[in-house]
Amino acid sequence: MVTQLLPLSLAEQESLAYLEVHVKSLASDARGRNHYLGNTLIPSRNYITEQFQVAGYDVLFQEYSYDNITYANIEVELLGNEYPDEIIVIGAHYDSVLYSPGANDNASGVAAVLEIARLLNRQALSRTVRLIAFVNEEPPFFQTEAMGSLVYAKRSAVKKENIVAMFTLETIGYFSDEPGSQTYPPVVSYFYPDSGNFIAFVSNLNSRQLLQESVQIFQEQATIPAEAAALPAFIPGVGWSDQWSFWQYGYPGIMITDTAIYRYPYYHTPQDTPDKIDYERMARVVIGVHKMIEKLLL
């Protein structure tokens, strides 16, 4: 069934233009964004850094070495003026698998982080917000000590930082109104729609309070449907992004996603190109997340 959506707001129209430029810029290399083939991570690192700087931020790099190669998470921070020690992290991984341009996975998520950074920059915030582009989420680094978000979460835990919420934007640009376009892990399918025309909020069981609060705000503010699920982390897909790293240290985290492999037919393929992205619905998601973050910062 086709979802009837309201016309795009002016804010959504403006964000759409930025998001499309970011995705096309980040996903312009058919080799992908990774440490292979001449280290194609470097152009994306430079682009992300430049866009953060254009938005008015000082950029920090968390560099670390693995197998004699230096990698970097890219971070900016807005310090809260009332509860600065309470930290909200908004992140997305900027690498992709070899020979996939990675438009949806995960230039879409990085584009969203860059756009939310632009939207938040001139606002007074009660809590501290960190916007981070993580490196090395994809195999062979996934859920290993060299995964960028795990390196980051470990450092935060060592420093005893009070991260009250972590949101990872993971593969957020593909939607379909076709019946049967949405699949799920076993059992989950009984409770959710079979058309992939919504954005999903997914957490582990320990993060369900944050999940409930966040998706309620999103549903009140956004112009696109959302579904939510707090599930055991062992279910396939639940821990398949950077929120998993924060769970390892007891931090609450949510993945915001179009569900990737359960919907997107071009996942981890050379066909994951910018023309596959539904920029209108992606803009609705990003503006909805921005409004949600605003409410969480009150």
Protein backbone atom coordinates (compact mmCIF):
# COMPACT_ATOMS: atom_id res chain seq x y z
CA MET A 1 0.00 0.00 0.00
CA VAL A 2 1.36 3.44 -0.95
CA THR A 3 1.96 5.68 2.05
CA GLN A 4 0.38 9.11 1.67
CA LEU A 5 2.87 11.66 2.95
CA LEU A 6 2.50 15.38 3.54
CA PRO A 7 4.31 17.70 1.12
CA LEU A 8 7.91 18.36 2.10
CA SER A 9 8.35 21.28 4.46
CA LEU A 10 10.80 24.05 3.59
CA ALA A 11 13.26 22.59 6.10
CA GLU A 12 12.96 19.15 4.51
CA GLN A 13 13.44 20.61 1.03
CA GLU A 14 16.59 22.41 2.15
CA SER A 15 17.95 19.29 3.84
CA LEU A 16 17.20 17.19 0.77
CA ALA A 17 19.54 19.35 -1.31
CA TYR A 18 22.39 19.01 1.22
CA LEU A 19 21.86 15.29 1.66
CA GLU A 20 21.95 14.57 -2.06
CA VAL A 21 25.21 16.47 -2.48
CA HIS A 22 26.80 14.62 0.46
CA VAL A 23 25.74 11.16 -0.72
CA LYS A 24 26.91 11.76 -4.26
CA SER A 25 30.23 13.16 -3.06
CA LEU A 26 30.94 10.34 -0.62
CA ALA A 27 29.78 7.53 -2.95
CA SER A 28 31.60 8.68 -6.07
CA ASP A 29 34.30 5.96 -6.10
CA ALA A 30 33.33 2.51 -7.36
CA ARG A 31 36.17 1.02 -5.30
CA GLY A 32 34.37 1.98 -2.10
CA ARG A 33 35.72 3.64 1.04
CA ASN A 34 38.22 1.37 2.77
CA HIS A 35 41.93 0.82 3.38
CA TYR A 36 42.37 -1.27 0.22
CA LEU A 37 43.34 -0.11 -3.27
CA GLY A 38 45.33 2.93 -2.24
CA ASN A 39 43.35 3.74 0.92
CA THR A 40 40.13 5.19 -0.47
CA LEU A 41 39.20 6.27 3.06
CA ILE A 42 41.27 9.43 2.68
CA PRO A 43 39.00 11.37 0.28
CA SER A 44 35.95 10.67 2.44
CA ARG A 45 37.85 11.64 5.59
CA ASN A 46 38.83 14.92 3.94
CA TYR A 47 35.29 15.58 2.72
CA ILE A 48 33.71 14.96 6.13
CA THR A 49 36.31 17.15 7.82
CA GLU A 50 35.73 19.97 5.35
CA GLN A 51 31.95 19.82 5.73
CA PHE A 52 32.16 19.94 9.52
CA GLN A 53 34.45 22.96 9.22
CA VAL A 54 32.12 24.70 6.76
CA ALA A 55 29.35 24.23 9.35
CA GLY A 56 31.50 26.10 11.87
CA TYR A 57 33.05 23.31 13.93
CA ASP A 58 36.51 22.55 15.23
CA VAL A 59 37.26 18.99 14.16
CA LEU A 60 38.91 16.38 16.35
CA PHE A 61 40.48 13.13 15.16
CA GLN A 62 40.71 10.02 17.28
CA GLU A 63 43.57 8.29 15.54
CA TYR A 64 44.63 4.72 16.24
CA SER A 65 46.89 2.19 14.56
CA TYR A 66 46.08 -1.34 13.52
CA ASP A 67 48.30 -3.59 11.44
CA ASN A 68 50.66 -0.65 10.78
CA ILE A 69 47.88 1.52 9.31
CA THR A 70 46.56 4.65 11.01
CA TYR A 71 42.78 5.15 11.07
CA ALA A 72 40.67 8.00 12.42
CA ASN A 73 37.26 8.63 13.87
CA ILE A 74 36.17 12.18 13.03
CA GLU A 75 34.40 14.13 15.78
CA VAL A 76 32.85 17.49 16.54
CA GLU A 77 31.26 18.60 19.80
CA LEU A 78 28.67 21.10 20.97
CA LEU A 79 29.05 21.65 24.70
CA GLY A 80 25.88 21.69 26.74
CA ASN A 81 25.24 24.82 28.79
CA GLU A 82 23.25 23.20 31.61
CA TYR A 83 24.31 19.53 31.85
CA PRO A 84 27.61 19.43 29.94
CA ASP A 85 28.61 16.08 31.45
CA GLU A 86 25.54 14.38 29.94
CA ILE A 87 26.55 13.39 26.42
CA ILE A 88 24.43 12.43 23.40
CA VAL A 89 26.39 10.77 20.59
CA ILE A 90 25.10 10.85 17.00
CA GLY A 91 27.23 8.76 14.68
CA ALA A 92 27.56 6.89 11.42
CA HIS A 93 30.35 4.86 9.84
CA TYR A 94 32.03 6.32 6.77
CA ASP A 95 33.71 3.21 5.38
CA SER A 96 32.16 0.78 2.91
CA VAL A 97 32.97 -2.70 1.70
CA LEU A 98 35.39 -3.22 -1.15
CA TYR A 99 33.97 -2.48 -4.62
CA SER A 100 30.76 -0.98 -3.28
CA PRO A 101 30.29 2.79 -3.62
CA GLY A 102 28.30 2.55 -0.40
CA ALA A 103 25.65 5.17 -1.18
CA ASN A 104 23.12 3.72 1.21
CA ASP A 105 25.62 1.80 3.33
CA ASN A 106 26.59 4.19 4.66
CA ALA A 107 27.02 7.49 2.85
CA SER A 108 23.35 8.04 3.71
CA GLY A 109 24.10 7.84 7.43
CA VAL A 110 27.15 10.09 7.20
CA ALA A 111 25.18 12.63 5.14
CA ALA A 112 22.58 12.65 7.90
CA VAL A 113 25.22 13.30 10.59
CA LEU A 114 26.65 16.18 8.54
CA GLU A 115 23.20 17.66 8.03
CA ILE A 116 22.22 17.33 11.71
CA ALA A 117 25.50 19.02 12.59
CA ARG A 118 24.57 21.93 10.32
CA LEU A 119 21.11 22.19 11.85
CA LEU A 120 22.26 22.02 15.48
CA ASN A 121 25.22 24.35 15.32
CA ARG A 122 23.50 27.61 16.20
CA GLN A 123 21.25 26.20 18.90
CA ALA A 124 21.63 26.49 22.65
CA LEU A 125 21.85 22.97 24.04
CA SER A 126 21.36 21.77 27.60
CA ARG A 127 23.36 18.56 27.12
CA THR A 128 26.55 18.01 25.18
CA VAL A 129 26.22 16.60 21.67
CA ARG A 130 28.98 14.78 19.83
CA LEU A 131 28.65 14.10 16.12
CA ILE A 132 31.02 11.40 14.93
CA ALA A 133 31.96 9.70 11.69
CA PHE A 134 33.31 6.29 12.69
CA VAL A 135 35.84 4.34 10.68
CA ASN A 136 36.08 0.56 10.14
CA GLU A 137 32.57 -0.65 10.82
CA GLU A 138 32.61 -3.04 7.87
CA PRO A 139 34.38 -6.43 7.68
CA PRO A 140 37.11 -7.42 8.37
CA PHE A 141 36.92 -4.98 11.31
CA PHE A 142 33.29 -5.52 12.30
CA GLN A 143 32.97 -6.39 16.01
CA THR A 144 36.76 -6.59 16.44
CA GLU A 145 39.13 -4.45 18.46
CA ALA A 146 39.90 -2.42 15.31
CA MET A 147 36.28 -1.30 14.80
CA GLY A 148 36.34 2.49 15.08
CA SER A 149 33.27 2.86 17.26
CA LEU A 150 34.53 0.20 19.67
CA VAL A 151 37.81 2.09 20.00
CA TYR A 152 35.79 5.22 20.74
CA ALA A 153 33.39 3.60 23.22
CA LYS A 154 36.26 1.96 25.08
CA ARG A 155 38.01 5.30 25.49
CA SER A 156 34.78 6.87 26.74
CA ALA A 157 34.37 4.10 29.30
CA VAL A 158 37.97 4.44 30.50
CA LYS A 159 37.38 8.18 30.95
CA LYS A 160 34.07 7.40 32.72
CA GLU A 161 32.15 9.65 30.34
CA ASN A 162 28.41 9.83 30.92
CA ILE A 163 26.97 8.97 27.51
CA VAL A 164 23.22 9.05 28.12
CA ALA A 165 22.22 8.21 24.54
CA MET A 166 23.91 6.96 21.38
CA PHE A 167 22.18 7.06 18.00
CA THR A 168 23.74 5.44 14.96
CA LEU A 169 22.37 6.31 11.53
CA GLU A 170 22.83 3.17 9.46
CA THR A 171 21.62 2.73 5.88
CA ILE A 172 18.68 5.16 5.92
CA GLY A 173 17.97 5.94 2.25
CA TYR A 174 15.91 3.15 0.68
CA PHE A 175 12.12 2.81 0.85
CA SER A 176 9.46 0.82 -0.97
CA ASP A 177 5.66 0.76 -0.84
CA GLU A 178 5.51 -2.65 -2.52
CA PRO A 179 3.92 -5.44 -0.45
CA GLY A 180 6.57 -7.99 0.47
CA SER A 181 9.42 -5.49 0.10
CA GLN A 182 10.19 -5.70 3.82
CA THR A 183 11.56 -8.85 5.44
CA TYR A 184 12.69 -9.57 8.99
CA PRO A 185 14.60 -12.04 11.12
CA PRO A 186 12.57 -15.07 12.25
CA VAL A 187 9.67 -14.34 14.65
CA VAL A 188 9.92 -10.54 14.26
CA SER A 189 7.93 -10.58 11.01
CA TYR A 190 4.67 -11.34 12.84
CA PHE A 191 4.58 -7.88 14.41
CA TYR A 192 5.63 -5.43 11.69
CA PRO A 193 4.54 -4.25 8.20
CA ASP A 194 5.54 -6.11 5.04
CA SER A 195 6.16 -2.93 3.03
CA GLY A 196 9.47 -1.12 3.47
CA ASN A 197 8.08 2.40 3.67
CA PHE A 198 9.06 3.24 7.27
CA ILE A 199 12.22 3.99 9.22
CA ALA A 200 13.14 1.58 12.02
CA PHE A 201 14.45 2.27 15.51
CA VAL A 202 16.22 -0.82 16.88
CA SER A 203 17.83 -1.36 20.27
CA ASN A 204 18.92 -4.07 22.64
CA LEU A 205 16.77 -4.81 25.68
CA ASN A 206 18.87 -2.65 28.00
CA SER A 207 18.21 0.40 25.82
CA ARG A 208 14.44 0.01 25.60
CA GLN A 209 13.65 3.03 27.79
CA LEU A 210 15.66 5.29 25.48
CA LEU A 211 14.03 3.59 22.50
CA GLN A 212 10.51 4.20 23.76
CA GLU A 213 11.19 7.84 24.56
CA SER A 214 12.98 8.53 21.29
CA VAL A 215 10.54 6.88 18.90
CA GLN A 216 7.57 8.53 20.61
CA ILE A 217 9.13 11.94 20.03
CA PHE A 218 10.04 11.03 16.45
CA GLN A 219 6.52 9.86 15.65
CA GLU A 220 5.10 13.11 17.01
CA GLN A 221 7.49 15.28 15.00
CA ALA A 222 8.37 13.44 11.78
CA THR A 223 6.49 13.21 8.48
CA ILE A 224 7.40 9.58 7.81
CA PRO A 225 6.25 6.43 9.63
CA ALA A 226 8.53 4.79 12.19
CA GLU A 227 8.57 1.35 13.78
CA ALA A 228 10.45 0.43 16.94
CA ALA A 229 11.84 -2.80 18.34
CA ALA A 230 13.82 -3.56 21.49
CA LEU A 231 15.18 -7.05 20.92
CA PRO A 232 17.81 -9.43 22.25
CA ALA A 233 21.15 -8.49 20.72
CA PHE A 234 21.72 -12.02 19.38
CA ILE A 235 18.91 -11.69 16.81
CA PRO A 236 20.52 -11.20 13.38
CA GLY A 237 20.65 -7.53 12.47
CA VAL A 238 20.03 -6.06 15.92
CA GLY A 239 23.70 -5.43 16.62
CA TRP A 240 24.87 -4.85 13.06
CA SER A 241 26.21 -1.33 13.45
CA ASP A 242 28.07 1.03 15.75
CA GLN A 243 25.52 1.05 18.58
CA TRP A 244 26.80 -2.48 19.32
CA SER A 245 30.14 -1.00 20.40
CA PHE A 246 28.49 1.23 22.98
CA TRP A 247 26.40 -1.64 24.32
CA GLN A 248 29.66 -3.43 25.19
CA TYR A 249 30.36 -0.73 27.78
CA GLY A 250 26.84 -0.39 29.13
CA TYR A 251 25.82 2.71 27.21
CA PRO A 252 22.26 2.93 25.83
CA GLY A 253 22.22 2.93 22.04
CA ILE A 254 19.77 2.86 19.14
CA MET A 255 20.22 2.08 15.46
CA ILE A 256 18.06 4.16 13.12
CA THR A 257 17.86 2.27 9.83
CA ASP A 258 15.90 1.29 6.76
CA THR A 259 16.84 -2.27 7.90
CA ALA A 260 19.56 -2.75 5.24
CA ILE A 261 19.72 -6.37 4.13
CA TYR A 262 16.10 -6.95 5.15
CA ARG A 263 14.92 -4.41 2.57
CA TYR A 264 17.73 -3.15 0.37
CA PRO A 265 18.46 -5.43 -2.62
CA TYR A 266 21.80 -3.72 -3.38
CA TYR A 267 23.33 -4.20 0.08
CA HIS A 268 27.13 -4.64 -0.13
CA THR A 269 27.12 -4.71 -3.92
CA PRO A 270 28.58 -2.51 -6.70
CA GLN A 271 25.00 -1.39 -7.35
CA ASP A 272 24.78 0.53 -4.05
CA THR A 273 24.93 3.83 -5.92
CA PRO A 274 23.45 7.31 -5.31
CA ASP A 275 20.62 6.82 -7.79
CA LYS A 276 19.09 4.17 -5.50
CA ILE A 277 18.46 6.67 -2.71
CA ASP A 278 15.01 8.12 -2.02
CA TYR A 279 16.22 11.59 -1.03
CA GLU A 280 12.75 12.89 -0.24
CA ARG A 281 12.01 10.24 2.38
CA MET A 282 15.58 10.39 3.64
CA ALA A 283 15.13 14.14 4.24
CA ARG A 284 11.97 13.39 6.23
CA VAL A 285 13.95 10.99 8.39
CA VAL A 286 16.77 13.45 9.00
CA ILE A 287 14.51 16.35 9.93
CA GLY A 288 12.56 14.01 12.20
CA VAL A 289 15.77 12.89 13.93
CA HIS A 290 16.89 16.50 14.30
CA LYS A 291 13.59 17.44 15.98
CA MET A 292 13.85 14.36 18.19
CA ILE A 293 17.35 15.33 19.30
CA GLU A 294 16.14 18.87 20.01
CA LYS A 295 13.47 17.51 22.36
CA LEU A 296 15.98 15.22 24.10
CA LEU A 297 18.20 18.24 24.70
CA LEU A 298 15.51 20.23 26.53
